[in-house]
Amino acid sequence: MGIEFRSGGYVRHVLMGGRTIKDGEAAAIWNVNGVHKQIIGPRRVYMYNSTIRFLTRHKAESHQYIRISHRDGRVEHKYGPA
């Protein structure tokens, strides 16, 4: 049994309450006005009428690379460790 990290499939609407973002996790939070905030754990966040989505973690080892496609069409290759 270990620590389970949440990924991009975890999306919740929180009327009132809090969520804990663990060490190694990242989350995006939108409030009722559509303002976006990114949180990197470990951190406890209190929300009111907000939507939270955990971000999927991607990493590359020393013999791998990550291909990043930007919205403007540029493609960037980042070699590991990244």
PDB file of N, CA and C in Angstrom:
ATOM      1  N   MET A   1       0.844  -1.174   0.000  1.00  0.00           N
ATOM      2  CA  MET A   1       0.000   0.000   0.000  1.00  0.00           C
ATOM      3  C   MET A   1       0.883   1.227   0.000  1.00  0.00           C
ATOM      4  N   GLY A   2       0.731   2.129  -0.861  1.00  0.00           N
ATOM      5  CA  GLY A   2       1.534   3.330  -0.910  1.00  0.00           C
ATOM      6  C   GLY A   2       0.661   4.541  -1.135  1.00  0.00           C
ATOM      7  N   ILE A   3       1.299   5.611  -1.465  1.00  0.00           N
ATOM      8  CA  ILE A   3       0.559   6.834  -1.751  1.00  0.00           C
ATOM      9  C   ILE A   3       0.044   6.759  -3.176  1.00  0.00           C
ATOM     10  N   GLU A   4      -1.247   6.956  -3.356  1.00  0.00           N
ATOM     11  CA  GLU A   4      -1.820   6.991  -4.699  1.00  0.00           C
ATOM     12  C   GLU A   4      -1.942   8.432  -5.139  1.00  0.00           C
ATOM     13  N   PHE A   5      -1.379   8.742  -6.301  1.00  0.00           N
ATOM     14  CA  PHE A   5      -1.467  10.083  -6.843  1.00  0.00           C
ATOM     15  C   PHE A   5      -2.668  10.166  -7.771  1.00  0.00           C
ATOM     16  N   ARG A   6      -3.371  11.287  -7.712  1.00  0.00           N
ATOM     17  CA  ARG A   6      -4.505  11.505  -8.595  1.00  0.00           C
ATOM     18  C   ARG A   6      -3.999  12.115  -9.891  1.00  0.00           C
ATOM     19  N   SER A   7      -4.680  11.809 -10.992  1.00  0.00           N
ATOM     20  CA  SER A   7      -4.242  12.312 -12.294  1.00  0.00           C
ATOM     21  C   SER A   7      -5.348  13.138 -12.928  1.00  0.00           C
ATOM     22  N   GLY A   8      -5.222  13.417 -14.215  1.00  0.00           N
ATOM     23  CA  GLY A   8      -6.134  14.287 -14.928  1.00  0.00           C
ATOM     24  C   GLY A   8      -7.575  13.806 -14.975  1.00  0.00           C
ATOM     25  N   GLY A   9      -7.820  12.556 -14.666  1.00  0.00           N
ATOM     26  CA  GLY A   9      -9.182  12.045 -14.646  1.00  0.00           C
ATOM     27  C   GLY A   9      -9.972  12.467 -13.418  1.00  0.00           C
ATOM     28  N   TYR A  10      -9.309  13.056 -12.428  1.00  0.00           N
ATOM     29  CA  TYR A  10      -9.968  13.466 -11.194  1.00  0.00           C
ATOM     30  C   TYR A  10     -10.426  14.919 -11.338  1.00  0.00           C
ATOM     31  N   VAL A  11     -11.714  15.106 -11.565  1.00  0.00           N
ATOM     32  CA  VAL A  11     -12.303  16.442 -11.670  1.00  0.00           C
ATOM     33  C   VAL A  11     -13.501  16.480 -10.738  1.00  0.00           C
ATOM     34  N   ARG A  12     -13.544  17.482  -9.856  1.00  0.00           N
ATOM     35  CA  ARG A  12     -14.640  17.593  -8.897  1.00  0.00           C
ATOM     36  C   ARG A  12     -15.087  19.043  -8.771  1.00  0.00           C
ATOM     37  N   HIS A  13     -16.389  19.217  -8.586  1.00  0.00           N
ATOM     38  CA  HIS A  13     -16.932  20.534  -8.256  1.00  0.00           C
ATOM     39  C   HIS A  13     -17.102  20.566  -6.740  1.00  0.00           C
ATOM     40  N   VAL A  14     -16.539  21.570  -6.103  1.00  0.00           N
ATOM     41  CA  VAL A  14     -16.578  21.682  -4.649  1.00  0.00           C
ATOM     42  C   VAL A  14     -17.446  22.880  -4.296  1.00  0.00           C
ATOM     43  N   LEU A  15     -18.568  22.633  -3.631  1.00  0.00           N
ATOM     44  CA  LEU A  15     -19.437  23.726  -3.224  1.00  0.00           C
ATOM     45  C   LEU A  15     -18.803  24.494  -2.072  1.00  0.00           C
ATOM     46  N   MET A  16     -18.392  23.770  -1.043  1.00  0.00           N
ATOM     47  CA  MET A  16     -17.680  24.384   0.073  1.00  0.00           C
ATOM     48  C   MET A  16     -16.858  23.302   0.753  1.00  0.00           C
ATOM     49  N   GLY A  17     -15.562  23.547   0.910  1.00  0.00           N
ATOM     50  CA  GLY A  17     -14.716  22.558   1.546  1.00  0.00           C
ATOM     51  C   GLY A  17     -13.275  22.711   1.131  1.00  0.00           C
ATOM     52  N   GLY A  18     -12.503  21.689   1.393  1.00  0.00           N
ATOM     53  CA  GLY A  18     -11.081  21.752   1.100  1.00  0.00           C
ATOM     54  C   GLY A  18     -10.581  20.468   0.483  1.00  0.00           C
ATOM     55  N   ARG A  19      -9.435  20.568  -0.125  1.00  0.00           N
ATOM     56  CA  ARG A  19      -8.742  19.413  -0.694  1.00  0.00           C
ATOM     57  C   ARG A  19      -7.276  19.524  -0.314  1.00  0.00           C
ATOM     58  N   THR A  20      -6.635  18.374  -0.139  1.00  0.00           N
ATOM     59  CA  THR A  20      -5.211  18.331   0.124  1.00  0.00           C
ATOM     60  C   THR A  20      -4.496  17.902  -1.147  1.00  0.00           C
ATOM     61  N   ILE A  21      -3.541  18.701  -1.565  1.00  0.00           N
ATOM     62  CA  ILE A  21      -2.710  18.369  -2.710  1.00  0.00           C
ATOM     63  C   ILE A  21      -1.412  17.815  -2.142  1.00  0.00           C
ATOM     64  N   LYS A  22      -1.153  16.544  -2.405  1.00  0.00           N
ATOM     65  CA  LYS A  22      -0.004  15.861  -1.817  1.00  0.00           C
ATOM     66  C   LYS A  22       1.300  16.309  -2.468  1.00  0.00           C
ATOM     67  N   ASP A  23       2.403  15.982  -1.801  1.00  0.00           N
ATOM     68  CA  ASP A  23       3.727  16.265  -2.352  1.00  0.00           C
ATOM     69  C   ASP A  23       3.888  15.470  -3.642  1.00  0.00           C
ATOM     70  N   GLY A  24       4.240  16.143  -4.727  1.00  0.00           N
ATOM     71  CA  GLY A  24       4.377  15.490  -6.020  1.00  0.00           C
ATOM     72  C   GLY A  24       3.162  15.640  -6.907  1.00  0.00           C
ATOM     73  N   GLU A  25       2.069  16.191  -6.377  1.00  0.00           N
ATOM     74  CA  GLU A  25       0.864  16.412  -7.161  1.00  0.00           C
ATOM     75  C   GLU A  25       0.746  17.879  -7.545  1.00  0.00           C
ATOM     76  N   ALA A  26      -0.012  18.140  -8.591  1.00  0.00           N
ATOM     77  CA  ALA A  26      -0.326  19.508  -9.003  1.00  0.00           C
ATOM     78  C   ALA A  26      -1.799  19.533  -9.379  1.00  0.00           C
ATOM     79  N   ALA A  27      -2.452  20.667  -9.135  1.00  0.00           N
ATOM     80  CA  ALA A  27      -3.874  20.788  -9.430  1.00  0.00           C
ATOM     81  C   ALA A  27      -4.173  22.156 -10.029  1.00  0.00           C
ATOM     82  N   ALA A  28      -5.212  22.194 -10.846  1.00  0.00           N
ATOM     83  CA  ALA A  28      -5.720  23.449 -11.394  1.00  0.00           C
ATOM     84  C   ALA A  28      -7.089  23.683 -10.753  1.00  0.00           C
ATOM     85  N   ILE A  29      -7.316  24.908 -10.284  1.00  0.00           N
ATOM     86  CA  ILE A  29      -8.573  25.253  -9.618  1.00  0.00           C
ATOM     87  C   ILE A  29      -9.183  26.454 -10.318  1.00  0.00           C
ATOM     88  N   TRP A  30     -10.464  26.326 -10.675  1.00  0.00           N
ATOM     89  CA  TRP A  30     -11.213  27.431 -11.260  1.00  0.00           C
ATOM     90  C   TRP A  30     -12.283  27.849 -10.271  1.00  0.00           C
ATOM     91  N   ASN A  31     -12.401  29.166 -10.021  1.00  0.00           N
ATOM     92  CA  ASN A  31     -13.460  29.633  -9.131  1.00  0.00           C
ATOM     93  C   ASN A  31     -14.712  29.937  -9.946  1.00  0.00           C
ATOM     94  N   VAL A  32     -15.748  30.437  -9.304  1.00  0.00           N
ATOM     95  CA  VAL A  32     -17.037  30.673  -9.952  1.00  0.00           C
ATOM     96  C   VAL A  32     -16.936  31.735 -11.052  1.00  0.00           C
ATOM     97  N   ASN A  33     -15.952  32.627 -10.977  1.00  0.00           N
ATOM     98  CA  ASN A  33     -15.762  33.663 -11.995  1.00  0.00           C
ATOM     99  C   ASN A  33     -14.890  33.192 -13.156  1.00  0.00           C
ATOM    100  N   GLY A  34     -14.391  31.958 -13.106  1.00  0.00           N
ATOM    101  CA  GLY A  34     -13.562  31.418 -14.170  1.00  0.00           C
ATOM    102  C   GLY A  34     -12.087  31.727 -14.017  1.00  0.00           C
ATOM    103  N   VAL A  35     -11.687  32.271 -12.869  1.00  0.00           N
ATOM    104  CA  VAL A  35     -10.273  32.578 -12.630  1.00  0.00           C
ATOM    105  C   VAL A  35      -9.550  31.282 -12.288  1.00  0.00           C
ATOM    106  N   HIS A  36      -8.435  31.030 -12.973  1.00  0.00           N
ATOM    107  CA  HIS A  36      -7.669  29.790 -12.853  1.00  0.00           C
ATOM    108  C   HIS A  36      -6.455  29.999 -11.958  1.00  0.00           C
ATOM    109  N   LYS A  37      -6.183  29.000 -11.124  1.00  0.00           N
ATOM    110  CA  LYS A  37      -5.009  29.036 -10.257  1.00  0.00           C
ATOM    111  C   LYS A  37      -4.381  27.658 -10.256  1.00  0.00           C
ATOM    112  N   GLN A  38      -3.037  27.582 -10.406  1.00  0.00           N
ATOM    113  CA  GLN A  38      -2.338  26.301 -10.339  1.00  0.00           C
ATOM    114  C   GLN A  38      -1.678  26.166  -8.977  1.00  0.00           C
ATOM    115  N   ILE A  39      -1.839  25.013  -8.359  1.00  0.00           N
ATOM    116  CA  ILE A  39      -1.296  24.739  -7.043  1.00  0.00           C
ATOM    117  C   ILE A  39      -0.381  23.529  -7.153  1.00  0.00           C
ATOM    118  N   ILE A  40       0.807  23.630  -6.568  1.00  0.00           N
ATOM    119  CA  ILE A  40       1.751  22.514  -6.514  1.00  0.00           C
ATOM    120  C   ILE A  40       1.904  22.120  -5.051  1.00  0.00           C
ATOM    121  N   GLY A  41       1.706  20.824  -4.764  1.00  0.00           N
ATOM    122  CA  GLY A  41       1.694  20.332  -3.390  1.00  0.00           C
ATOM    123  C   GLY A  41       3.065  20.211  -2.781  1.00  0.00           C
ATOM    124  N   PRO A  42       3.139  19.999  -1.504  1.00  0.00           N
ATOM    125  CA  PRO A  42       2.053  19.718  -0.577  1.00  0.00           C
ATOM    126  C   PRO A  42       1.380  21.005  -0.094  1.00  0.00           C
ATOM    127  N   ARG A  43       0.058  20.965  -0.093  1.00  0.00           N
ATOM    128  CA  ARG A  43      -0.689  22.141   0.330  1.00  0.00           C
ATOM    129  C   ARG A  43      -2.154  21.773   0.569  1.00  0.00           C
ATOM    130  N   ARG A  44      -2.773  22.429   1.523  1.00  0.00           N
ATOM    131  CA  ARG A  44      -4.204  22.281   1.803  1.00  0.00           C
ATOM    132  C   ARG A  44      -4.897  23.521   1.269  1.00  0.00           C
ATOM    133  N   VAL A  45      -5.915  23.326   0.418  1.00  0.00           N
ATOM    134  CA  VAL A  45      -6.595  24.430  -0.246  1.00  0.00           C
ATOM    135  C   VAL A  45      -8.062  24.403   0.147  1.00  0.00           C
ATOM    136  N   TYR A  46      -8.591  25.551   0.561  1.00  0.00           N
ATOM    137  CA  TYR A  46     -10.005  25.690   0.875  1.00  0.00           C
ATOM    138  C   TYR A  46     -10.689  26.397  -0.277  1.00  0.00           C
ATOM    139  N   MET A  47     -11.850  25.867  -0.677  1.00  0.00           N
ATOM    140  CA  MET A  47     -12.528  26.381  -1.860  1.00  0.00           C
ATOM    141  C   MET A  47     -14.001  26.617  -1.571  1.00  0.00           C
ATOM    142  N   TYR A  48     -14.581  27.533  -2.331  1.00  0.00           N
ATOM    143  CA  TYR A  48     -16.009  27.792  -2.291  1.00  0.00           C
ATOM    144  C   TYR A  48     -16.513  27.881  -3.722  1.00  0.00           C
ATOM    145  N   ASN A  49     -17.428  27.007  -4.095  1.00  0.00           N
ATOM    146  CA  ASN A  49     -18.030  26.979  -5.425  1.00  0.00           C
ATOM    147  C   ASN A  49     -16.955  26.986  -6.514  1.00  0.00           C
ATOM    148  N   SER A  50     -16.057  26.028  -6.442  1.00  0.00           N
ATOM    149  CA  SER A  50     -14.924  25.940  -7.362  1.00  0.00           C
ATOM    150  C   SER A  50     -14.847  24.551  -7.999  1.00  0.00           C
ATOM    151  N   THR A  51     -14.082  24.460  -9.077  1.00  0.00           N
ATOM    152  CA  THR A  51     -13.817  23.182  -9.733  1.00  0.00           C
ATOM    153  C   THR A  51     -12.328  22.898  -9.636  1.00  0.00           C
ATOM    154  N   ILE A  52     -11.990  21.660  -9.239  1.00  0.00           N
ATOM    155  CA  ILE A  52     -10.586  21.268  -9.108  1.00  0.00           C
ATOM    156  C   ILE A  52     -10.312  20.117 -10.066  1.00  0.00           C
ATOM    157  N   ARG A  53      -9.167  20.187 -10.721  1.00  0.00           N
ATOM    158  CA  ARG A  53      -8.716  19.110 -11.606  1.00  0.00           C
ATOM    159  C   ARG A  53      -7.250  18.852 -11.326  1.00  0.00           C
ATOM    160  N   PHE A  54      -6.931  17.608 -11.031  1.00  0.00           N
ATOM    161  CA  PHE A  54      -5.542  17.243 -10.811  1.00  0.00           C
ATOM    162  C   PHE A  54      -4.856  17.042 -12.150  1.00  0.00           C
ATOM    163  N   LEU A  55      -3.609  17.443 -12.241  1.00  0.00           N
ATOM    164  CA  LEU A  55      -2.858  17.398 -13.484  1.00  0.00           C
ATOM    165  C   LEU A  55      -2.072  16.096 -13.584  1.00  0.00           C
ATOM    166  N   THR A  56      -2.022  15.546 -14.779  1.00  0.00           N
ATOM    167  CA  THR A  56      -1.293  14.303 -15.015  1.00  0.00           C
ATOM    168  C   THR A  56       0.199  14.597 -15.048  1.00  0.00           C
ATOM    169  N   ARG A  57       0.960  13.758 -14.375  1.00  0.00           N
ATOM    170  CA  ARG A  57       2.405  13.957 -14.284  1.00  0.00           C
ATOM    171  C   ARG A  57       3.106  13.204 -15.414  1.00  0.00           C
ATOM    172  N   HIS A  58       3.981  13.907 -16.127  1.00  0.00           N
ATOM    173  CA  HIS A  58       4.799  13.298 -17.168  1.00  0.00           C
ATOM    174  C   HIS A  58       6.257  13.528 -16.810  1.00  0.00           C
ATOM    175  N   LYS A  59       7.088  12.505 -16.980  1.00  0.00           N
ATOM    176  CA  LYS A  59       8.505  12.663 -16.688  1.00  0.00           C
ATOM    177  C   LYS A  59       9.320  11.828 -17.662  1.00  0.00           C
ATOM    178  N   ALA A  60      10.581  12.223 -17.804  1.00  0.00           N
ATOM    179  CA  ALA A  60      11.493  11.507 -18.701  1.00  0.00           C
ATOM    180  C   ALA A  60      12.766  11.166 -17.931  1.00  0.00           C
ATOM    181  N   GLU A  61      13.221   9.944 -18.106  1.00  0.00           N
ATOM    182  CA  GLU A  61      14.488   9.510 -17.499  1.00  0.00           C
ATOM    183  C   GLU A  61      15.641   9.988 -18.376  1.00  0.00           C
ATOM    184  N   SER A  62      16.869   9.662 -18.000  1.00  0.00           N
ATOM    185  CA  SER A  62      18.046  10.163 -18.706  1.00  0.00           C
ATOM    186  C   SER A  62      18.152   9.659 -20.146  1.00  0.00           C
ATOM    187  N   HIS A  63      17.524   8.531 -20.473  1.00  0.00           N
ATOM    188  CA  HIS A  63      17.587   7.983 -21.827  1.00  0.00           C
ATOM    189  C   HIS A  63      16.306   8.259 -22.624  1.00  0.00           C
ATOM    190  N   GLN A  64      15.424   9.140 -22.116  1.00  0.00           N
ATOM    191  CA  GLN A  64      14.160   9.440 -22.763  1.00  0.00           C
ATOM    192  C   GLN A  64      14.035  10.936 -23.029  1.00  0.00           C
ATOM    193  N   TYR A  65      12.974  11.323 -23.730  1.00  0.00           N
ATOM    194  CA  TYR A  65      12.683  12.734 -23.933  1.00  0.00           C
ATOM    195  C   TYR A  65      11.172  12.942 -23.925  1.00  0.00           C
ATOM    196  N   ILE A  66      10.783  14.202 -23.704  1.00  0.00           N
ATOM    197  CA  ILE A  66       9.377  14.586 -23.734  1.00  0.00           C
ATOM    198  C   ILE A  66       9.165  15.500 -24.929  1.00  0.00           C
ATOM    199  N   ARG A  67       8.132  15.219 -25.704  1.00  0.00           N
ATOM    200  CA  ARG A  67       7.785  16.059 -26.854  1.00  0.00           C
ATOM    201  C   ARG A  67       6.676  16.999 -26.419  1.00  0.00           C
ATOM    202  N   ILE A  68       6.935  18.303 -26.509  1.00  0.00           N
ATOM    203  CA  ILE A  68       5.978  19.315 -26.086  1.00  0.00           C
ATOM    204  C   ILE A  68       5.459  20.029 -27.329  1.00  0.00           C
ATOM    205  N   SER A  69       4.150  19.953 -27.543  1.00  0.00           N
ATOM    206  CA  SER A  69       3.509  20.644 -28.670  1.00  0.00           C
ATOM    207  C   SER A  69       2.829  21.894 -28.133  1.00  0.00           C
ATOM    208  N   HIS A  70       3.301  23.049 -28.555  1.00  0.00           N
ATOM    209  CA  HIS A  70       2.729  24.316 -28.112  1.00  0.00           C
ATOM    210  C   HIS A  70       1.500  24.654 -28.952  1.00  0.00           C
ATOM    211  N   ARG A  71       0.652  25.513 -28.430  1.00  0.00           N
ATOM    212  CA  ARG A  71      -0.577  25.887 -29.135  1.00  0.00           C
ATOM    213  C   ARG A  71      -0.297  26.661 -30.415  1.00  0.00           C
ATOM    214  N   ASP A  72       0.822  27.376 -30.469  1.00  0.00           N
ATOM    215  CA  ASP A  72       1.139  28.146 -31.674  1.00  0.00           C
ATOM    216  C   ASP A  72       1.790  27.280 -32.761  1.00  0.00           C
ATOM    217  N   GLY A  73       1.902  25.969 -32.551  1.00  0.00           N
ATOM    218  CA  GLY A  73       2.420  25.053 -33.555  1.00  0.00           C
ATOM    219  C   GLY A  73       3.864  24.628 -33.356  1.00  0.00           C
ATOM    220  N   ARG A  74       4.593  25.317 -32.457  1.00  0.00           N
ATOM    221  CA  ARG A  74       5.977  24.932 -32.198  1.00  0.00           C
ATOM    222  C   ARG A  74       6.029  23.566 -31.518  1.00  0.00           C
ATOM    223  N   VAL A  75       7.079  22.825 -31.801  1.00  0.00           N
ATOM    224  CA  VAL A  75       7.313  21.535 -31.141  1.00  0.00           C
ATOM    225  C   VAL A  75       8.669  21.611 -30.474  1.00  0.00           C
ATOM    226  N   GLU A  76       8.718  21.217 -29.210  1.00  0.00           N
ATOM    227  CA  GLU A  76       9.950  21.277 -28.423  1.00  0.00           C
ATOM    228  C   GLU A  76      10.232  19.893 -27.860  1.00  0.00           C
ATOM    229  N   HIS A  77      11.496  19.471 -27.917  1.00  0.00           N
ATOM    230  CA  HIS A  77      11.910  18.195 -27.338  1.00  0.00           C
ATOM    231  C   HIS A  77      12.780  18.477 -26.124  1.00  0.00           C
ATOM    232  N   LYS A  78      12.365  18.001 -24.957  1.00  0.00           N
ATOM    233  CA  LYS A  78      13.153  18.156 -23.736  1.00  0.00           C
ATOM    234  C   LYS A  78      13.723  16.795 -23.374  1.00  0.00           C
ATOM    235  N   TYR A  79      15.031  16.740 -23.296  1.00  0.00           N
ATOM    236  CA  TYR A  79      15.690  15.492 -22.953  1.00  0.00           C
ATOM    237  C   TYR A  79      15.770  15.344 -21.445  1.00  0.00           C
ATOM    238  N   GLY A  80      15.653  14.097 -20.984  1.00  0.00           N
ATOM    239  CA  GLY A  80      15.638  13.808 -19.561  1.00  0.00           C
ATOM    240  C   GLY A  80      16.993  13.960 -18.914  1.00  0.00           C
ATOM    241  N   PRO A  81      17.042  14.012 -17.619  1.00  0.00           N
ATOM    242  CA  PRO A  81      15.878  13.925 -16.752  1.00  0.00           C
ATOM    243  C   PRO A  81      15.104  15.248 -16.735  1.00  0.00           C
ATOM    244  N   ALA A  82      13.821  15.137 -16.905  1.00  0.00           N
ATOM    245  CA  ALA A  82      12.930  16.305 -16.886  1.00  0.00           C
ATOM    246  C   ALA A  82      11.601  15.930 -16.289  1.00  0.00           C
TER     247      ALA A  82
END
